[in-house]
Amino acid sequence: MKDCLNSYQTLSAMVHAFFEAFANGVVDSYKADIRNSKQLKQVMLHHYEDISGCYANVMFPILSVLNNKDAQAVEKKINAAQDKEDEPMAFVFKIACNTPELYRAMVEEYRRNFAQLLQGRIFTVQEHFEQYSKGEGRTVTNEEQTIRLLVRTVIRSYVEGMRISKRGKRSLHQATILRLLITAAAILINDEAPNLQRAAAIDDVYEYFLFACRTTERCNVVFSEMDNEMKLQVATTGIISTDDRAN
């Protein structure tokens, strides 16, 4: 695997993963259909104001690791500026992104995905590749570390959506999680939108992951981190099971 990835493609993949997984966590809690634009808008209507806080909970630590070599330096910068900034949330994300250019790209990706959600839609893989904010730059993390961070983003964002829904749902819907991970991996790993006609012919879950990830090695990283993160969620967040049949 690669020593690093393009930081703009990686950033956009993480932001897309947050919005798609968060929305699915909300929708699954209401037992609505994510493919139905009207239903998506109806359930999200109660939770648009929650998005920024949930985004910060999930994305600040993820982006900090992606773009900064020294975690202690990040913490010192934030502690030193506490109560001195008029826009503390913007300030911490500027530190997490590490450069003004990448921060501006993050703001654009956030706005773009939020606006799409207001319309009751999530960007498709094809639409994402056509529209995301492109630029030059490299992640601090290598490819394996970045894939693991992507898996954490998906699962934590989904759990955040469940949490703020307050519908009593305490188990993960595995089919949703697998679908989200396939989409997220396809966006992160591929330099252009994969051939969706080819994907439509696949009826095996592992083969679908292999299609998105392109190698067995990357698939194994996704599965390993999915297992680790699901166990962590069960241990720390009140989730009782990684299988909806237990709910």
Protein backbone atom coordinates (compact mmCIF):
# COMPACT_ATOMS: atom_id res chain seq x y z
CA MET A 1 0.00 0.00 0.00
CA LYS A 2 0.98 3.64 -0.46
CA ASP A 3 3.04 5.73 1.97
CA CYS A 4 0.48 8.54 1.77
CA LEU A 5 -2.63 9.68 -0.12
CA ASN A 6 -3.78 12.93 -1.67
CA SER A 7 -5.00 15.01 1.27
CA TYR A 8 -7.84 16.67 -0.68
CA GLN A 9 -9.28 13.41 -1.97
CA THR A 10 -8.90 11.94 1.51
CA LEU A 11 -10.54 14.93 3.20
CA SER A 12 -13.48 14.85 0.82
CA ALA A 13 -13.90 11.10 1.31
CA MET A 14 -14.01 11.56 5.10
CA VAL A 15 -16.54 14.41 4.94
CA HIS A 16 -18.77 12.47 2.54
CA ALA A 17 -18.49 9.41 4.80
CA PHE A 18 -19.56 11.47 7.81
CA PHE A 19 -22.67 12.88 6.17
CA GLU A 20 -23.78 9.63 4.58
CA ALA A 21 -23.20 7.56 7.73
CA PHE A 22 -24.72 10.17 10.06
CA ALA A 23 -27.86 10.42 7.91
CA ASN A 24 -28.15 6.64 7.77
CA GLY A 25 -27.84 6.42 11.56
CA VAL A 26 -30.74 8.85 11.91
CA VAL A 27 -32.84 7.19 9.20
CA ASP A 28 -32.32 3.68 10.57
CA SER A 29 -33.35 4.89 14.03
CA TYR A 30 -36.64 6.16 12.59
CA LYS A 31 -37.01 3.01 10.43
CA ALA A 32 -37.28 5.24 7.37
CA ASP A 33 -35.90 4.69 3.85
CA ILE A 34 -32.67 6.56 2.99
CA ARG A 35 -33.55 6.24 -0.70
CA ASN A 36 -36.80 8.14 -0.22
CA SER A 37 -36.02 11.85 -0.45
CA LYS A 38 -39.22 12.89 1.32
CA GLN A 39 -38.64 10.53 4.23
CA LEU A 40 -35.00 11.62 4.54
CA LYS A 41 -35.99 15.28 4.71
CA GLN A 42 -38.73 14.56 7.24
CA VAL A 43 -36.53 12.71 9.73
CA MET A 44 -33.56 15.04 9.27
CA LEU A 45 -35.77 18.09 9.86
CA HIS A 46 -35.50 17.42 13.60
CA HIS A 47 -31.72 17.05 13.56
CA TYR A 48 -30.09 19.55 11.19
CA GLU A 49 -29.06 21.66 14.18
CA ASP A 50 -27.24 18.65 15.66
CA ILE A 51 -24.97 18.10 12.68
CA SER A 52 -22.21 20.59 13.51
CA GLY A 53 -21.69 19.22 17.02
CA CYS A 54 -21.69 15.61 15.84
CA TYR A 55 -19.32 16.55 13.02
CA ALA A 56 -16.88 18.05 15.52
CA ASN A 57 -17.09 14.98 17.78
CA VAL A 58 -16.21 12.63 14.94
CA MET A 59 -14.11 14.63 12.54
CA PHE A 60 -11.76 16.73 14.64
CA PRO A 61 -9.71 13.77 15.93
CA ILE A 62 -9.79 12.10 12.50
CA LEU A 63 -8.58 15.15 10.58
CA SER A 64 -5.99 15.97 13.24
CA VAL A 65 -4.35 12.58 12.78
CA LEU A 66 -4.55 12.76 8.98
CA ASN A 67 -2.83 16.12 8.71
CA ASN A 68 -0.56 16.59 11.75
CA LYS A 69 2.53 14.63 12.72
CA ASP A 70 2.59 15.81 16.33
CA ALA A 71 -0.60 15.21 18.33
CA GLN A 72 0.85 16.95 21.39
CA ALA A 73 1.53 20.09 19.36
CA VAL A 74 -2.11 20.13 18.23
CA GLU A 75 -3.29 19.86 21.82
CA LYS A 76 -0.94 22.66 22.95
CA LYS A 77 -2.21 25.00 20.22
CA ILE A 78 -5.81 24.41 21.21
CA ASN A 79 -5.16 24.78 24.95
CA ALA A 80 -3.18 27.97 24.41
CA ALA A 81 -6.01 29.56 22.46
CA GLN A 82 -8.93 28.54 24.67
CA ASP A 83 -11.34 31.42 25.33
CA LYS A 84 -9.32 33.69 23.01
CA GLU A 85 -11.02 32.85 19.73
CA ASP A 86 -14.30 34.37 18.53
CA GLU A 87 -15.01 31.21 16.50
CA PRO A 88 -13.51 28.34 18.52
CA MET A 89 -14.92 25.60 16.25
CA ALA A 90 -13.39 27.17 13.15
CA PHE A 91 -10.10 27.61 14.99
CA VAL A 92 -9.78 23.96 16.03
CA PHE A 93 -10.57 22.75 12.52
CA LYS A 94 -7.96 25.10 11.07
CA ILE A 95 -5.46 23.34 13.35
CA ALA A 96 -6.79 19.91 12.36
CA CYS A 97 -6.49 20.70 8.65
CA ASN A 98 -3.01 22.20 9.15
CA THR A 99 -3.09 24.50 6.09
CA PRO A 100 -5.47 27.35 5.14
CA GLU A 101 -6.05 25.74 1.74
CA LEU A 102 -7.12 22.40 3.17
CA TYR A 103 -9.31 24.12 5.75
CA ARG A 104 -11.10 26.04 2.98
CA ALA A 105 -11.59 22.76 1.12
CA MET A 106 -13.08 21.21 4.26
CA VAL A 107 -15.52 24.11 4.67
CA GLU A 108 -16.58 23.76 1.03
CA GLU A 109 -17.07 20.00 1.37
CA TYR A 110 -19.10 20.48 4.56
CA ARG A 111 -21.33 23.08 2.92
CA ARG A 112 -21.74 21.03 -0.24
CA ASN A 113 -22.76 17.86 1.59
CA PHE A 114 -24.99 19.75 4.05
CA ALA A 115 -26.83 21.48 1.20
CA GLN A 116 -27.38 18.15 -0.52
CA LEU A 117 -28.82 16.71 2.70
CA LEU A 118 -31.23 19.65 2.91
CA GLN A 119 -32.53 18.49 -0.47
CA GLY A 120 -33.12 14.99 0.90
CA ARG A 121 -30.22 13.44 -0.97
CA ILE A 122 -26.72 12.06 -0.46
CA PHE A 123 -24.14 12.50 -3.21
CA THR A 124 -23.64 9.36 -5.28
CA VAL A 125 -20.11 8.12 -5.87
CA GLN A 126 -20.20 9.49 -9.43
CA GLU A 127 -21.46 12.90 -8.29
CA HIS A 128 -18.83 13.05 -5.57
CA PHE A 129 -15.95 12.47 -7.98
CA GLU A 130 -17.30 15.12 -10.34
CA GLN A 131 -17.67 17.82 -7.69
CA TYR A 132 -15.30 17.39 -4.74
CA SER A 133 -12.68 20.05 -3.92
CA LYS A 134 -9.40 19.03 -5.56
CA GLY A 135 -5.88 20.15 -4.72
CA GLU A 136 -2.28 19.10 -4.14
CA GLY A 137 -1.09 17.79 -0.80
CA ARG A 138 -0.26 14.57 1.01
CA THR A 139 -1.61 12.99 4.19
CA VAL A 140 0.68 12.46 7.16
CA THR A 141 -0.76 8.96 7.53
CA ASN A 142 0.03 6.06 5.24
CA GLU A 143 -2.68 4.26 3.28
CA GLU A 144 -3.37 1.57 5.88
CA GLN A 145 -3.73 4.15 8.66
CA THR A 146 -5.98 6.27 6.46
CA ILE A 147 -8.28 3.34 5.64
CA ARG A 148 -8.57 2.60 9.36
CA LEU A 149 -9.49 6.23 10.02
CA LEU A 150 -12.13 6.02 7.29
CA VAL A 151 -13.72 2.96 8.92
CA ARG A 152 -13.80 4.78 12.26
CA THR A 153 -15.41 7.79 10.59
CA VAL A 154 -18.19 5.67 9.10
CA ILE A 155 -19.04 3.72 12.25
CA ARG A 156 -18.72 6.66 14.66
CA SER A 157 -20.83 8.91 12.42
CA TYR A 158 -23.53 6.25 12.17
CA VAL A 159 -23.55 5.88 15.97
CA GLU A 160 -23.75 9.67 16.37
CA GLY A 161 -26.83 9.68 14.13
CA MET A 162 -28.41 6.97 16.28
CA ARG A 163 -27.50 8.81 19.47
CA ILE A 164 -29.03 12.17 18.62
CA SER A 165 -32.19 10.51 17.24
CA LYS A 166 -33.12 9.42 20.78
CA ARG A 167 -35.35 6.66 19.44
CA GLY A 168 -34.08 3.91 21.73
CA LYS A 169 -32.13 2.11 19.00
CA ARG A 170 -29.09 0.43 20.58
CA SER A 171 -27.86 -1.95 17.88
CA LEU A 172 -26.11 -1.41 14.56
CA HIS A 173 -27.72 -2.41 11.29
CA GLN A 174 -24.96 -4.50 9.75
CA ALA A 175 -26.27 -4.27 6.18
CA THR A 176 -26.17 -0.48 6.40
CA ILE A 177 -22.66 -0.44 7.86
CA LEU A 178 -21.33 -2.74 5.13
CA ARG A 179 -22.93 -0.62 2.41
CA LEU A 180 -21.49 2.57 3.89
CA LEU A 181 -18.00 1.08 4.12
CA ILE A 182 -18.10 -0.07 0.50
CA THR A 183 -19.08 3.40 -0.71
CA ALA A 184 -16.52 5.13 1.52
CA ALA A 185 -13.71 2.81 0.42
CA ALA A 186 -14.58 3.28 -3.25
CA ILE A 187 -14.32 7.06 -2.85
CA LEU A 188 -11.09 7.01 -0.84
CA ILE A 189 -9.12 4.40 -2.76
CA ASN A 190 -10.04 5.03 -6.39
CA ASP A 191 -8.79 8.00 -8.39
CA GLU A 192 -12.00 8.11 -10.42
CA ALA A 193 -15.52 6.79 -10.01
CA PRO A 194 -15.58 2.98 -10.33
CA ASN A 195 -17.58 1.34 -13.12
CA LEU A 196 -21.02 1.03 -11.52
CA GLN A 197 -22.36 -1.19 -14.29
CA ARG A 198 -19.74 -3.76 -13.33
CA ALA A 199 -20.63 -3.36 -9.65
CA ALA A 200 -24.31 -4.03 -10.38
CA ALA A 201 -23.43 -7.56 -11.47
CA ILE A 202 -21.78 -8.44 -8.12
CA ASP A 203 -23.92 -10.39 -5.63
CA ASP A 204 -21.27 -11.41 -3.08
CA VAL A 205 -20.41 -9.02 -0.22
CA TYR A 206 -16.70 -9.84 -0.20
CA GLU A 207 -16.48 -9.43 -3.98
CA TYR A 208 -18.19 -6.06 -3.60
CA PHE A 209 -15.57 -4.99 -1.05
CA LEU A 210 -12.84 -6.25 -3.35
CA PHE A 211 -14.34 -4.21 -6.20
CA ALA A 212 -14.25 -1.06 -4.03
CA CYS A 213 -10.87 -1.68 -2.37
CA ARG A 214 -9.14 -3.23 -5.41
CA THR A 215 -6.86 -5.52 -3.35
CA THR A 216 -7.29 -8.24 -0.73
CA GLU A 217 -4.82 -6.41 1.52
CA ARG A 218 -7.01 -3.30 1.68
CA CYS A 219 -10.13 -5.42 2.23
CA ASN A 220 -8.45 -7.10 5.19
CA VAL A 221 -7.63 -3.70 6.71
CA VAL A 222 -11.28 -2.63 6.39
CA PHE A 223 -12.56 -5.83 8.01
CA SER A 224 -9.98 -5.70 10.79
CA GLU A 225 -10.77 -2.11 11.71
CA MET A 226 -14.52 -2.69 11.39
CA ASP A 227 -14.26 -5.47 13.96
CA ASN A 228 -12.09 -3.32 16.28
CA GLU A 229 -14.35 -0.28 16.05
CA MET A 230 -17.59 -2.18 16.51
CA LYS A 231 -16.21 -3.80 19.66
CA LEU A 232 -15.17 -0.35 20.90
CA GLN A 233 -18.64 1.05 20.30
CA VAL A 234 -20.25 -1.81 22.21
CA ALA A 235 -17.81 -1.26 25.10
CA THR A 236 -18.09 2.54 25.33
CA THR A 237 -21.33 3.97 23.90
CA GLY A 238 -24.27 1.93 25.14
CA ILE A 239 -24.58 0.00 21.88
CA ILE A 240 -25.63 -3.50 22.91
CA SER A 241 -24.97 -5.34 19.67
CA THR A 242 -23.50 -5.03 16.18
CA ASP A 243 -26.53 -6.92 14.84
CA ASP A 244 -30.05 -5.43 14.66
CA ARG A 245 -31.60 -8.79 15.49
CA ALA A 246 -30.55 -8.15 19.10
CA ASN A 247 -32.45 -4.85 19.30
